[in-house]
Protein backbone atom coordinates (compact mmCIF):
# COMPACT_ATOMS: atom_id res chain seq x y z
CA MET A 1 -91.27 26.84 114.69
CA LYS A 2 -91.25 30.80 114.42
CA PRO A 3 -93.78 32.43 111.51
CA LEU A 4 -91.82 33.22 108.93
CA TYR A 5 -93.01 37.29 109.66
CA LEU A 6 -91.21 36.81 113.40
CA ALA A 7 -88.29 35.26 112.08
CA ALA A 8 -87.56 37.86 109.23
CA ILE A 9 -87.28 40.00 112.45
CA ALA A 10 -85.54 38.34 114.46
CA ALA A 11 -82.79 37.78 111.45
CA LEU A 12 -82.62 41.63 111.18
CA GLY A 13 -81.97 41.70 115.03
CA LEU A 14 -85.09 44.09 115.71
CA PRO A 15 -87.10 43.46 119.06
CA LEU A 16 -89.83 41.09 119.07
CA PRO A 17 -93.32 42.67 119.03
CA ALA A 18 -95.19 42.84 122.49
CA LEU A 19 -98.49 40.47 122.28
CA ALA A 20 -101.82 42.12 122.79
CA ALA A 21 -103.49 41.35 125.94
CA GLY A 22 -106.44 39.76 124.29
CA VAL A 23 -110.38 39.17 123.26
CA ILE A 24 -113.57 38.41 124.62
CA ASP A 25 -115.82 36.76 122.18
CA ASN A 26 -119.01 35.64 121.37
CA VAL A 27 -120.47 38.06 123.87
CA ASN A 28 -123.92 39.85 124.59
CA GLY A 29 -122.23 42.81 124.67
CA ILE A 30 -123.86 45.69 126.24
CA ALA A 31 -121.99 48.90 127.16
CA ILE A 32 -123.22 52.89 127.62
CA ASP A 33 -121.89 55.41 124.97
CA PRO A 34 -120.71 58.89 125.55
CA ASP A 35 -124.30 59.91 125.80
CA GLY A 36 -125.29 57.71 127.98
CA LYS A 37 -127.66 55.00 125.47
CA VAL A 38 -126.97 51.42 125.18
CA VAL A 39 -124.64 50.21 122.53
CA ARG A 40 -124.47 46.64 121.25
CA PHE A 41 -120.96 44.20 120.44
CA ALA A 42 -120.18 40.67 120.29
CA ALA A 43 -116.35 41.05 120.74
CA LEU A 44 -114.01 43.15 123.45
CA MET A 45 -110.63 43.39 122.53
CA ILE A 46 -108.15 44.54 125.10
CA ASP A 47 -104.81 46.12 124.79
CA ASP A 48 -101.74 45.57 126.56
CA ASP A 49 -102.13 48.31 129.18
CA GLY A 50 -105.65 46.16 130.41
CA LYS A 51 -107.50 48.96 128.12
CA VAL A 52 -110.46 48.47 126.05
CA GLU A 53 -108.92 48.65 122.26
CA LYS A 54 -112.17 48.65 120.42
CA LEU A 55 -115.60 47.07 120.66
CA LEU A 56 -116.24 44.93 117.84
CA PRO A 57 -119.90 44.11 116.05
CA GLY A 58 -119.61 40.99 114.96
CA ARG A 59 -117.66 37.55 115.93
CA TYR A 60 -113.47 38.24 116.24
CA GLN A 61 -111.50 37.24 112.82
CA GLU A 62 -107.96 36.37 113.32
CA PRO A 63 -106.06 38.65 111.07
CA LYS A 64 -104.52 37.22 107.79
CA TYR A 65 -100.92 37.03 108.01
CA GLU A 66 -99.49 38.45 104.62
CA ARG A 67 -95.78 38.29 104.26
CA PRO A 68 -93.85 42.10 104.55
CA LYS A 69 -92.46 44.17 101.62
CA LYS A 70 -88.80 44.65 102.43
CA PRO A 71 -88.73 48.51 103.10
CA LYS A 72 -87.28 50.84 101.37
CA LYS A 73 -83.51 52.32 102.05
CA GLY A 74 -83.68 53.82 105.11
CA GLN A 75 -87.32 53.15 105.88
CA PRO A 76 -88.30 51.19 109.41
CA TRP A 77 -89.33 47.72 109.18
CA PRO A 78 -93.17 47.75 108.90
CA GLU A 79 -94.58 47.13 112.16
CA PRO A 80 -96.22 43.04 112.81
CA PRO A 81 -99.58 42.56 113.42
CA LYS A 82 -100.02 42.32 116.84
CA GLY A 83 -100.90 38.58 118.05
CA LEU A 84 -103.31 37.79 121.51
CA ALA A 85 -101.81 36.35 124.39
CA PHE A 86 -105.46 34.59 125.02
CA LYS A 87 -108.74 34.84 123.55
CA LEU A 88 -111.64 33.74 125.69
CA ASP A 89 -115.15 32.77 123.80
CA ALA A 90 -117.57 33.70 126.14
CA GLY A 91 -120.54 31.47 124.71
CA GLY A 92 -122.80 33.97 123.99
CA LYS A 93 -122.80 35.17 127.74
CA THR A 94 -124.03 38.78 128.56
CA LEU A 95 -121.10 41.25 129.03
CA ILE A 96 -121.79 44.53 130.19
CA PRO A 97 -119.61 47.12 132.24
CA GLY A 98 -118.07 46.60 135.94
CA LEU A 99 -120.91 48.35 137.78
CA ILE A 100 -119.53 51.66 139.94
CA ASP A 101 -121.01 52.26 143.51
CA ALA A 102 -121.24 56.03 143.41
CA HIS A 103 -121.87 56.27 147.23
CA GLY A 104 -120.47 53.51 150.06
CA HIS A 105 -118.38 52.78 152.85
CA VAL A 106 -115.77 50.34 152.24
CA MET A 107 -114.31 49.98 155.65
CA GLY A 108 -117.75 50.28 157.26
CA TYR A 109 -118.73 47.19 155.22
CA GLY A 110 -115.76 45.06 155.89
CA LEU A 111 -116.08 45.88 159.72
CA SER A 112 -119.75 44.51 159.38
CA LEU A 113 -118.54 41.36 157.91
CA ILE A 114 -116.43 40.81 161.04
CA THR A 115 -118.30 42.53 164.17
CA LEU A 116 -122.05 41.69 165.25
CA ASP A 117 -124.73 42.42 162.68
CA LEU A 118 -127.96 42.65 163.33
CA SER A 119 -129.60 43.74 159.97
CA ASP A 120 -131.10 40.25 159.45
CA THR A 121 -133.29 40.70 162.50
CA ARG A 122 -136.91 41.17 162.46
CA SER A 123 -137.88 41.97 166.14
CA LEU A 124 -136.38 43.22 169.34
CA ALA A 125 -136.14 39.88 170.69
CA GLU A 126 -134.25 38.14 167.72
CA ALA A 127 -132.18 40.95 167.86
CA GLN A 128 -131.53 40.30 172.03
CA ALA A 129 -130.91 36.59 171.43
CA LYS A 130 -128.47 37.37 168.66
CA ILE A 131 -126.51 39.71 170.85
CA ARG A 132 -126.54 37.05 173.59
CA ALA A 133 -125.20 34.75 171.59
CA TYR A 134 -122.88 36.81 169.93
CA ALA A 135 -121.40 37.70 173.64
CA GLN A 136 -121.46 34.49 174.51
CA ALA A 137 -119.27 33.19 171.24
CA ASN A 138 -116.66 36.02 172.19
CA ALA A 139 -116.34 35.97 175.69
CA GLY A 140 -113.55 37.83 177.27
CA ARG A 141 -113.97 40.93 175.02
CA LYS A 142 -114.10 44.15 176.81
CA TRP A 143 -116.69 45.77 174.73
CA ILE A 144 -119.09 44.39 172.37
CA ILE A 145 -119.14 46.49 169.18
CA GLY A 146 -121.71 45.62 166.02
CA THR A 147 -124.39 47.61 163.41
CA GLY A 148 -127.63 47.09 161.57
CA TRP A 149 -130.34 47.73 163.68
CA ASN A 150 -133.45 49.12 162.62
CA GLN A 151 -136.66 49.70 164.83
CA GLU A 152 -138.50 49.76 161.30
CA GLN A 153 -137.55 46.76 160.99
CA TRP A 154 -138.80 45.23 164.01
CA GLY A 155 -142.10 47.26 163.85
CA LEU A 156 -141.19 48.62 167.18
CA GLY A 157 -142.88 52.00 166.55
CA ARG A 158 -139.87 53.73 168.88
CA PHE A 159 -136.28 53.66 169.41
CA PRO A 160 -134.90 50.59 171.60
CA THR A 161 -133.52 51.12 175.31
CA ALA A 162 -130.54 50.65 177.44
CA ALA A 163 -132.56 48.66 179.54
CA GLU A 164 -133.66 45.99 177.07
CA LEU A 165 -129.98 46.07 175.52
CA ASP A 166 -129.08 45.09 179.44
CA ALA A 167 -131.35 42.70 179.37
CA ALA A 168 -129.02 40.66 176.50
CA VAL A 169 -126.07 42.05 178.11
CA GLY A 170 -125.23 43.59 181.14
CA ASP A 171 -122.05 42.73 182.72
CA ILE A 172 -119.87 44.74 179.89
CA PRO A 173 -120.14 47.77 177.39
CA VAL A 174 -121.88 47.15 174.21
CA TRP A 175 -122.40 49.82 171.21
CA LEU A 176 -124.31 49.38 168.11
CA GLU A 177 -124.88 51.81 165.26
CA ARG A 178 -128.16 51.63 163.62
CA ILE A 179 -127.99 50.71 160.08
CA ASP A 180 -127.87 54.33 158.78
CA GLY A 181 -125.42 55.02 160.57
CA HIS A 182 -127.08 58.09 162.22
CA ALA A 183 -127.69 56.57 165.45
CA GLY A 184 -126.43 54.23 168.33
CA TRP A 185 -127.75 52.27 170.63
CA ALA A 186 -125.76 51.92 174.05
CA ASN A 187 -126.26 49.80 176.93
CA SER A 188 -125.89 51.02 180.89
CA ALA A 189 -122.05 49.96 181.12
CA ALA A 190 -121.31 51.65 178.11
CA ILE A 191 -123.25 55.12 179.24
CA ARG A 192 -121.22 54.39 182.55
CA ALA A 193 -117.93 53.75 180.99
CA ALA A 194 -118.54 57.02 178.76
CA GLY A 195 -119.24 59.33 182.20
CA ILE A 196 -122.72 60.24 181.00
CA THR A 197 -125.32 61.38 182.98
CA PRO A 198 -128.66 62.75 183.33
CA ALA A 199 -127.04 66.37 183.15
CA THR A 200 -124.98 65.56 179.77
CA ARG A 201 -126.04 67.80 177.16
CA ALA A 202 -125.85 66.72 173.44
CA PRO A 203 -123.32 68.10 171.21
CA MET A 204 -124.74 70.58 168.03
CA GLY A 205 -126.07 68.47 165.86
CA GLY A 206 -127.00 65.83 167.95
CA ARG A 207 -129.96 64.37 170.50
CA ILE A 208 -129.82 62.35 173.49
CA GLU A 209 -132.85 60.30 173.35
CA MET A 210 -134.21 60.36 177.15
CA ALA A 211 -137.01 58.66 179.40
CA GLY A 212 -137.71 59.73 182.92
CA GLY A 213 -135.15 62.39 182.99
CA LYS A 214 -132.14 60.65 182.20
CA PRO A 215 -130.48 59.27 178.65
CA SER A 216 -132.60 56.02 177.18
CA GLY A 217 -129.83 54.24 175.79
CA VAL A 218 -129.84 56.10 171.84
CA PHE A 219 -127.98 58.72 170.63
CA VAL A 220 -128.78 60.68 167.35
CA ASP A 221 -126.25 61.73 165.08
CA LYS A 222 -123.45 64.05 167.01
CA ALA A 223 -124.16 62.58 170.10
CA MET A 224 -122.70 59.39 169.20
CA ASP A 225 -119.38 60.66 169.65
CA LEU A 226 -120.08 60.93 173.17
CA ILE A 227 -119.56 57.09 173.01
CA GLN A 228 -117.71 56.39 170.56
CA LYS A 229 -114.57 58.49 171.78
CA VAL A 230 -114.29 55.41 174.38
CA THR A 231 -114.70 52.65 172.41
CA PRO A 232 -111.79 50.86 171.20
CA PRO A 233 -110.92 51.27 167.55
CA PRO A 234 -110.28 48.57 165.28
CA ALA A 235 -106.50 47.27 164.91
CA PRO A 236 -104.87 47.85 161.37
CA LYS A 237 -104.89 43.98 161.27
CA ASP A 238 -108.71 43.73 161.67
CA ARG A 239 -108.79 46.56 159.41
CA ASP A 240 -107.16 44.67 156.68
CA ILE A 241 -108.93 41.34 157.26
CA ALA A 242 -111.80 44.12 157.07
CA LEU A 243 -111.14 45.49 153.62
CA GLU A 244 -110.48 42.22 152.12
CA LYS A 245 -113.46 40.47 153.30
CA ALA A 246 -115.21 43.69 151.57
CA GLN A 247 -113.48 43.34 148.47
CA ARG A 248 -114.83 39.67 147.92
CA ALA A 249 -118.08 40.65 148.55
CA LEU A 250 -117.90 43.28 146.03
CA LEU A 251 -116.22 41.65 142.91
CA ALA A 252 -118.66 38.48 143.88
CA VAL A 253 -121.63 41.10 143.02
CA GLY A 254 -120.17 42.98 140.20
CA ILE A 255 -118.61 46.15 141.76
CA THR A 256 -115.55 46.92 140.16
CA GLY A 257 -115.29 50.64 141.60
CA ILE A 258 -116.43 52.36 144.43
CA ALA A 259 -116.91 56.10 146.21
CA ASP A 260 -116.06 55.74 149.44
CA MET A 261 -117.76 58.28 151.34
CA GLY A 262 -115.95 59.34 154.56
CA THR A 263 -112.47 57.86 154.18
CA SER A 264 -110.10 58.32 157.66
CA ILE A 265 -106.26 58.25 157.61
CA GLU A 266 -106.76 54.70 159.17
CA ASP A 267 -108.80 53.45 156.20
CA TRP A 268 -106.46 55.26 153.79
CA GLN A 269 -103.92 53.46 155.54
CA ALA A 270 -105.48 50.20 155.06
CA PHE A 271 -105.92 50.74 151.44
CA ARG A 272 -102.54 52.10 150.62
CA ARG A 273 -101.24 48.67 152.73
CA SER A 274 -103.47 46.30 150.43
CA ALA A 275 -102.24 47.95 147.02
CA ASP A 276 -98.78 48.03 147.99
CA ARG A 277 -99.05 44.30 148.69
CA GLY A 278 -100.94 43.53 144.92
CA ALA A 279 -103.98 42.94 147.03
CA LEU A 280 -106.07 46.61 146.19
CA ARG A 281 -108.75 44.90 143.33
CA VAL A 282 -111.62 47.64 143.41
CA ARG A 283 -110.89 50.93 142.35
CA ILE A 284 -111.75 53.30 145.12
CA MET A 285 -112.47 57.05 144.73
CA SER A 286 -112.17 58.18 148.12
CA TYR A 287 -113.38 61.08 149.61
CA ALA A 288 -112.10 62.20 153.09
CA TYR A 289 -113.80 62.45 156.16
CA GLY A 290 -113.95 66.09 156.80
CA ILE A 291 -111.42 68.88 156.32
CA ASP A 292 -108.77 67.41 159.26
CA ASN A 293 -108.52 64.10 156.79
CA MET A 294 -108.83 66.00 153.78
CA VAL A 295 -105.37 67.32 154.70
CA LEU A 296 -103.86 64.73 156.69
CA ILE A 297 -104.18 62.31 153.62
CA ALA A 298 -103.65 64.32 150.52
CA GLY A 299 -102.16 67.63 151.36
CA PRO A 300 -102.38 70.67 149.50
CA GLU A 301 -104.25 68.76 146.45
CA PRO A 302 -105.99 66.05 145.52
CA THR A 303 -103.57 62.90 144.98
CA PRO A 304 -102.93 61.65 141.85
CA TRP A 305 -104.42 58.27 140.73
CA LEU A 306 -102.18 55.38 142.28
CA TYR A 307 -101.54 51.69 141.51
CA ASP A 308 -102.75 51.81 137.79
CA ASP A 309 -105.79 53.92 138.55
CA HIS A 310 -107.20 51.83 141.43
CA LEU A 311 -106.70 54.52 144.63
CA ARG A 312 -107.20 58.39 144.36
CA MET A 313 -108.18 60.81 147.07
CA GLY A 314 -109.78 63.69 145.00
CA GLY A 315 -112.68 64.85 147.78
CA VAL A 316 -113.84 65.47 150.98
CA LYS A 317 -117.35 64.49 152.14
CA LEU A 318 -119.35 66.77 154.97
CA LEU A 319 -122.85 65.96 156.80
CA LEU A 320 -125.07 68.45 156.79
CA ASP A 321 -127.96 66.73 158.54
CA GLY A 322 -129.14 63.02 159.60
CA ALA A 323 -131.31 60.59 158.68
CA LEU A 324 -135.07 59.94 157.99
CA GLY A 325 -134.89 56.74 159.94
CA SER A 326 -133.37 58.33 163.42
CA ARG A 327 -135.22 61.82 162.68
CA GLY A 328 -132.50 63.56 161.98
CA ALA A 329 -132.95 64.61 158.93
CA TRP A 330 -133.47 68.18 158.57
CA LEU A 331 -136.76 69.07 157.27
CA ARG A 332 -138.42 72.62 156.71
CA ALA A 333 -141.44 71.45 158.55
CA ASP A 334 -142.42 69.05 161.54
CA TYR A 335 -142.23 65.83 161.16
CA ALA A 336 -145.26 64.56 160.68
CA ASP A 337 -144.74 61.60 162.89
CA ALA A 338 -143.11 63.92 165.77
CA PRO A 339 -144.54 67.09 165.97
CA GLY A 340 -141.77 69.62 167.12
CA GLN A 341 -139.02 67.77 165.53
CA ARG A 342 -137.60 69.25 162.50
CA GLY A 343 -134.54 67.32 162.49
CA LEU A 344 -130.80 68.21 162.76
CA PRO A 345 -128.63 70.70 161.00
CA MET A 346 -125.02 69.61 161.64
CA ILE A 347 -123.22 72.35 160.04
CA PRO A 348 -124.03 75.75 160.49
CA ASP A 349 -124.55 78.11 157.64
CA THR A 350 -121.55 79.66 157.91
CA GLN A 351 -119.36 76.64 158.82
CA LEU A 352 -120.46 75.20 155.85
CA ARG A 353 -119.77 77.69 153.45
CA ASN A 354 -116.23 77.92 155.23
CA PHE A 355 -115.61 74.27 154.68
CA MET A 356 -116.67 73.91 151.19
CA SER A 357 -114.27 76.67 150.49
CA ARG A 358 -111.48 75.48 152.06
CA ALA A 359 -111.77 72.16 150.05
CA ALA A 360 -112.47 73.78 146.57
CA MET A 361 -109.83 76.50 146.69
CA ASP A 362 -107.31 73.61 146.59
CA ASN A 363 -109.37 71.92 143.87
CA PHE A 364 -110.93 69.19 145.91
CA GLN A 365 -114.21 68.09 145.15
CA VAL A 366 -116.87 68.57 148.07
CA ALA A 367 -119.69 65.91 148.43
CA VAL A 368 -122.33 67.17 151.08
CA HIS A 369 -124.69 64.68 152.59
CA ALA A 370 -128.30 66.03 152.45
CA ILE A 371 -131.54 64.09 152.99
CA GLY A 372 -134.36 66.23 154.33
CA ASP A 373 -135.66 69.01 151.98
CA ALA A 374 -134.30 71.94 154.45
CA ALA A 375 -130.87 70.36 154.25
CA ASN A 376 -131.06 70.14 150.63
CA HIS A 377 -132.36 73.88 150.09
CA GLU A 378 -129.37 75.02 152.04
CA LEU A 379 -126.99 73.31 150.11
CA LEU A 380 -127.85 74.53 147.06
CA ASN A 381 -128.42 77.96 148.16
CA ALA A 382 -124.19 77.51 149.32
CA ILE A 383 -123.51 76.14 145.92
CA GLU A 384 -125.00 78.73 144.07
CA GLU A 385 -123.24 81.57 146.50
CA LEU A 386 -119.63 79.37 146.08
CA ASN A 387 -119.94 79.16 142.55
CA ASP A 388 -119.67 82.52 141.83
CA THR A 389 -115.83 82.33 143.47
CA TYR A 390 -114.76 78.85 142.17
CA LYS A 391 -114.87 78.44 138.66
CA GLY A 392 -114.47 75.57 136.50
CA ASP A 393 -115.77 71.96 136.72
CA ARG A 394 -116.55 72.16 140.29
CA ARG A 395 -119.06 68.69 140.30
CA TRP A 396 -120.53 69.69 143.22
CA ARG A 397 -122.16 66.14 145.25
CA ILE A 398 -125.07 66.29 147.00
CA GLU A 399 -125.40 62.81 148.62
CA HIS A 400 -128.53 61.12 148.95
CA ALA A 401 -130.83 64.39 147.73
CA GLN A 402 -133.77 62.37 149.12
CA ILE A 403 -136.19 64.92 150.17
CA VAL A 404 -136.64 67.96 147.93
CA THR A 405 -138.94 70.63 147.75
CA PRO A 406 -140.05 70.47 144.16
CA SER A 407 -139.45 74.09 143.29
CA ASP A 408 -135.68 73.13 144.39
CA LEU A 409 -135.15 70.17 141.61
CA PRO A 410 -134.71 72.49 138.80
CA ARG A 411 -131.77 74.39 140.51
CA PHE A 412 -129.49 71.15 140.48
CA GLY A 413 -128.19 71.40 137.15
CA PRO A 414 -127.53 74.95 136.36
CA LEU A 415 -125.73 75.12 139.33
CA GLY A 416 -123.40 72.08 137.95
CA ALA A 417 -124.54 69.56 141.13
CA ILE A 418 -124.80 65.82 140.60
CA ALA A 419 -127.66 64.09 142.56
CA SER A 420 -125.75 61.14 143.91
CA MET A 421 -129.17 58.92 144.96
CA GLN A 422 -129.31 55.15 145.89
CA PRO A 423 -132.40 53.65 144.59
CA VAL A 424 -132.24 50.68 147.42
CA HIS A 425 -133.22 53.09 150.05
CA GLU A 426 -136.44 54.18 148.29
CA ALA A 427 -137.43 50.22 148.49
CA SER A 428 -136.43 50.57 151.79
CA ASP A 429 -137.70 53.81 153.33
CA TRP A 430 -141.28 54.35 151.19
CA ARG A 431 -143.30 53.37 154.29
CA MET A 432 -141.49 54.91 156.53
CA ALA A 433 -141.24 58.06 154.42
CA THR A 434 -144.83 58.34 154.01
CA ALA A 435 -144.89 57.95 157.78
CA ARG A 436 -142.59 60.62 158.29
CA LEU A 437 -143.62 63.35 155.80
CA GLY A 438 -147.14 62.56 155.06
CA GLU A 439 -148.53 62.57 151.48
CA ALA A 440 -148.40 65.83 150.71
CA ARG A 441 -144.87 66.53 150.81
CA LEU A 442 -143.64 63.40 148.84
CA ASN A 443 -143.39 65.15 145.56
CA GLY A 444 -140.13 65.32 145.47
CA ALA A 445 -139.02 62.72 147.32
CA TYR A 446 -136.50 60.02 145.69
CA ALA A 447 -137.00 61.78 142.29
CA TRP A 448 -134.84 60.33 140.21
CA LYS A 449 -136.96 61.09 136.80
CA ALA A 450 -137.36 64.22 138.01
CA MET A 451 -133.92 64.76 138.49
CA LEU A 452 -133.13 63.21 134.45
CA ASP A 453 -135.84 65.65 133.55
CA ASN A 454 -134.12 68.58 134.53
CA LYS A 455 -130.64 67.50 132.98
CA VAL A 456 -129.03 66.69 136.44
CA PRO A 457 -126.13 64.13 136.31
CA LEU A 458 -127.87 61.21 138.20
CA ALA A 459 -124.95 58.50 139.53
CA PHE A 460 -126.49 55.77 141.89
CA GLY A 461 -125.06 53.64 144.56
CA SER A 462 -125.95 51.87 147.56
CA ASP A 463 -125.14 53.36 150.58
CA VAL A 464 -123.13 49.95 151.84
CA PRO A 465 -123.37 48.66 154.59
CA VAL A 466 -126.50 50.73 155.11
CA GLU A 467 -127.69 48.55 152.03
CA SER A 468 -126.49 45.30 150.19
CA PRO A 469 -123.96 46.58 148.15
CA ASN A 470 -125.92 44.44 144.89
CA PRO A 471 -125.99 47.01 142.18
CA PHE A 472 -128.30 44.55 140.33
CA ALA A 473 -131.22 45.41 143.28
CA GLY A 474 -130.53 49.26 142.73
CA ILE A 475 -131.05 48.88 139.19
CA ALA A 476 -134.38 46.89 139.79
CA VAL A 477 -135.33 49.41 142.02
CA ALA A 478 -134.87 52.38 140.11
CA MET A 479 -136.92 51.00 137.35
CA SER A 480 -139.39 49.77 139.07
CA ARG A 481 -139.81 51.27 142.30
CA GLU A 482 -140.65 48.08 144.05
CA ASP A 483 -139.17 46.63 146.69
CA GLY A 484 -138.06 42.93 146.76
CA LYS A 485 -141.34 41.68 147.61
CA GLY A 486 -142.91 43.82 144.86
CA GLU A 487 -144.18 46.03 146.67
CA PRO A 488 -146.18 48.23 145.79
CA ALA A 489 -147.71 46.46 142.96
CA GLY A 490 -146.64 48.82 140.26
CA GLY A 491 -144.52 51.07 142.11
CA TRP A 492 -143.97 53.68 144.52
CA MET A 493 -144.96 56.98 142.87
CA PRO A 494 -144.00 55.32 139.93
CA GLU A 495 -144.05 58.68 138.02
CA GLN A 496 -140.20 58.82 139.42
CA ARG A 497 -139.41 55.60 137.49
CA VAL A 498 -136.22 55.32 135.00
CA GLY A 499 -135.70 53.09 132.09
CA PHE A 500 -133.26 50.39 131.41
CA ASP A 501 -130.27 52.43 129.78
CA ALA A 502 -130.87 55.55 132.53
CA ALA A 503 -130.38 52.79 135.43
CA LEU A 504 -127.43 51.40 133.71
CA ASP A 505 -125.79 54.87 133.28
CA GLY A 506 -126.45 55.56 136.93
CA PHE A 507 -124.04 53.05 137.66
CA THR A 508 -121.19 52.83 135.20
CA ARG A 509 -120.71 56.37 133.43
CA GLN A 510 -122.42 58.86 135.59
CA ALA A 511 -121.04 57.14 138.80
CA ALA A 512 -117.60 57.26 136.91
CA TYR A 513 -118.61 61.19 136.02
CA ALA A 514 -119.43 62.03 139.61
CA GLY A 515 -116.16 60.96 140.69
CA PHE A 516 -113.90 62.66 137.82
CA ALA A 517 -112.55 58.84 136.93
CA ASP A 518 -114.63 59.07 133.57
CA LYS A 519 -111.88 59.10 131.39
CA LYS A 520 -110.52 56.52 133.33
CA PHE A 521 -113.19 53.62 133.27
CA GLY A 522 -117.04 53.10 133.70
CA SER A 523 -118.27 52.91 130.05
CA LEU A 524 -115.79 50.24 128.02
CA VAL A 525 -115.12 53.04 125.87
CA PRO A 526 -111.67 52.85 123.92
CA GLY A 527 -108.82 53.83 126.01
CA GLN A 528 -110.90 53.25 128.94
CA ARG A 529 -109.86 50.55 131.51
CA ALA A 530 -110.96 47.29 130.67
CA ASP A 531 -113.64 46.56 133.61
CA PHE A 532 -116.45 44.32 133.09
CA LEU A 533 -118.63 41.74 134.05
CA LEU A 534 -120.03 37.98 132.65
CA ILE A 535 -123.29 37.83 134.03
CA ASP A 536 -125.97 34.77 133.64
CA ARG A 537 -129.09 37.35 131.63
CA ASP A 538 -129.05 39.72 129.41
CA ILE A 539 -130.64 42.44 132.13
CA SER A 540 -131.54 45.33 128.75
CA THR A 541 -134.43 42.46 128.44
CA ALA A 542 -135.51 41.22 131.55
CA ARG A 543 -138.06 42.16 134.04
CA PRO A 544 -136.87 43.84 137.00
CA ALA A 545 -137.72 41.19 139.63
CA ASP A 546 -135.66 39.46 137.22
CA ILE A 547 -133.31 41.65 137.05
CA ARG A 548 -132.67 41.34 140.50
CA GLN A 549 -131.81 37.58 140.68
CA THR A 550 -128.77 38.47 138.36
CA GLN A 551 -125.80 36.22 138.89
CA VAL A 552 -122.03 37.80 138.54
CA LEU A 553 -120.19 34.79 136.74
CA GLU A 554 -117.04 36.60 136.13
CA THR A 555 -115.37 39.90 137.25
CA TRP A 556 -112.47 41.47 135.27
CA ILE A 557 -110.44 44.52 136.56
CA GLY A 558 -107.95 46.33 133.89
CA GLY A 559 -108.09 43.09 131.61
CA LYS A 560 -107.52 40.45 134.50
CA ARG A 561 -110.08 38.06 136.05
CA VAL A 562 -109.92 38.61 139.57
CA TYR A 563 -113.36 36.89 140.34
CA VAL A 564 -115.05 33.74 139.29
CA LYS A 565 -118.44 32.30 140.55
CA GLY A 566 -118.06 29.27 142.85
CA GLN A 567 -113.95 29.52 143.09
């Protein structure tokens, strides 16, 4: 039997009211306010469009029914109270905003899940055994492609060689990217297939490691192109499979949005194919891989938000230097453990400004990879010059900002530059960073607290697949500066730790702000998309080591449940 109110409307021939989406009730709710402070709530109301309607400080109360009064002549019939399409009693579980990875590589992560992955190997011998087993299990392949090796993790003290890779697989070409994507390891067959000889010169911004007057097997940064130009690209169907695997893995750790740093046209087409099928759940803030992809994909201006705010290309990603692990990061003084080497500026200063201007003139956001102190200094100089020409809300992004000269730290804020940093890098790198730079040059290294003290917007990410995408590990490291083993005890350079509010803010509101998505999602403020997680503990009161163990029970995007643990 219809409620009297609905029956009265039906009798008048008026349309029946649409039901509100629902409410998530009885939660230990944790959200971020517009100032980056934690707020508490007990229920989350979701509207018809899958957006946050309101946060309730207490439990949800069913509205009391009141018989409507007949309107005066000529007046509209009063709006009925909205009903609920669903009501979920969360049983007191903790609810937090969906977490956003401010810097990752979606397709790279997906491809790492379907190709050879060496990130779990702890020695050269273990890696060789895994490569050999993979080749035997995938007989008939014309190439073996993989990622994840790390000579630092192996305790090798040097780069591996082609001969050592030949010992695992010598009859077909093998090409394996280093875990940071800034160096590659080739066997002799791959070197021959690329036509590389002792006379081959590295392109600008690259380095060919040499031994005995010939290439040793490792190619750094731009020199990787010498091999990659002959490696077979992934087929579209492989990209589709990789994207789906990446999404499932991201949703399982609570990532509801990610900035894809370096989107190619092939990546973009995979994103669109997924969205056309209704299968794109994770929100992707896309940054084109260089100017050419930017123009090819987006054309004369950033794309609008597509597929109910699931996809947008709003900027371009540029690479100014390499990484510390491969000694490609551009430093102002020699590497402490490699005298005579200072890394590689990958873009000359004039060309850098031209690329940045080309993007900014069409209102694309500019995100530039800068790890070494020389790279960060040069990038800040470029932003300072361009700020006089390109006014307005530019949100220049400095990706990584790992090693910064202390005198450059106060420059970020006044320039409107965002520090897009990855806490888990510090946990992985602290021993290596000390070896590469020496103690005296670390005052501006991984300086999260200093960035906040200088009023710099601080967005956190993972750089997946370089690191695990698990944001709870990132929050734990941001608060403790300890790795997964609790080392070093008390944290490395503990003065750069941040509190819980700032750590969560970096993975939510600030990560959205960094991608011009702060009006769309990230904080659970009314009007934003209802992207949130139910998790197994109150991370606001847990120790960092316990935060690291957090399990995501459910992931919701746009008011819809898209992941349930164990299903």
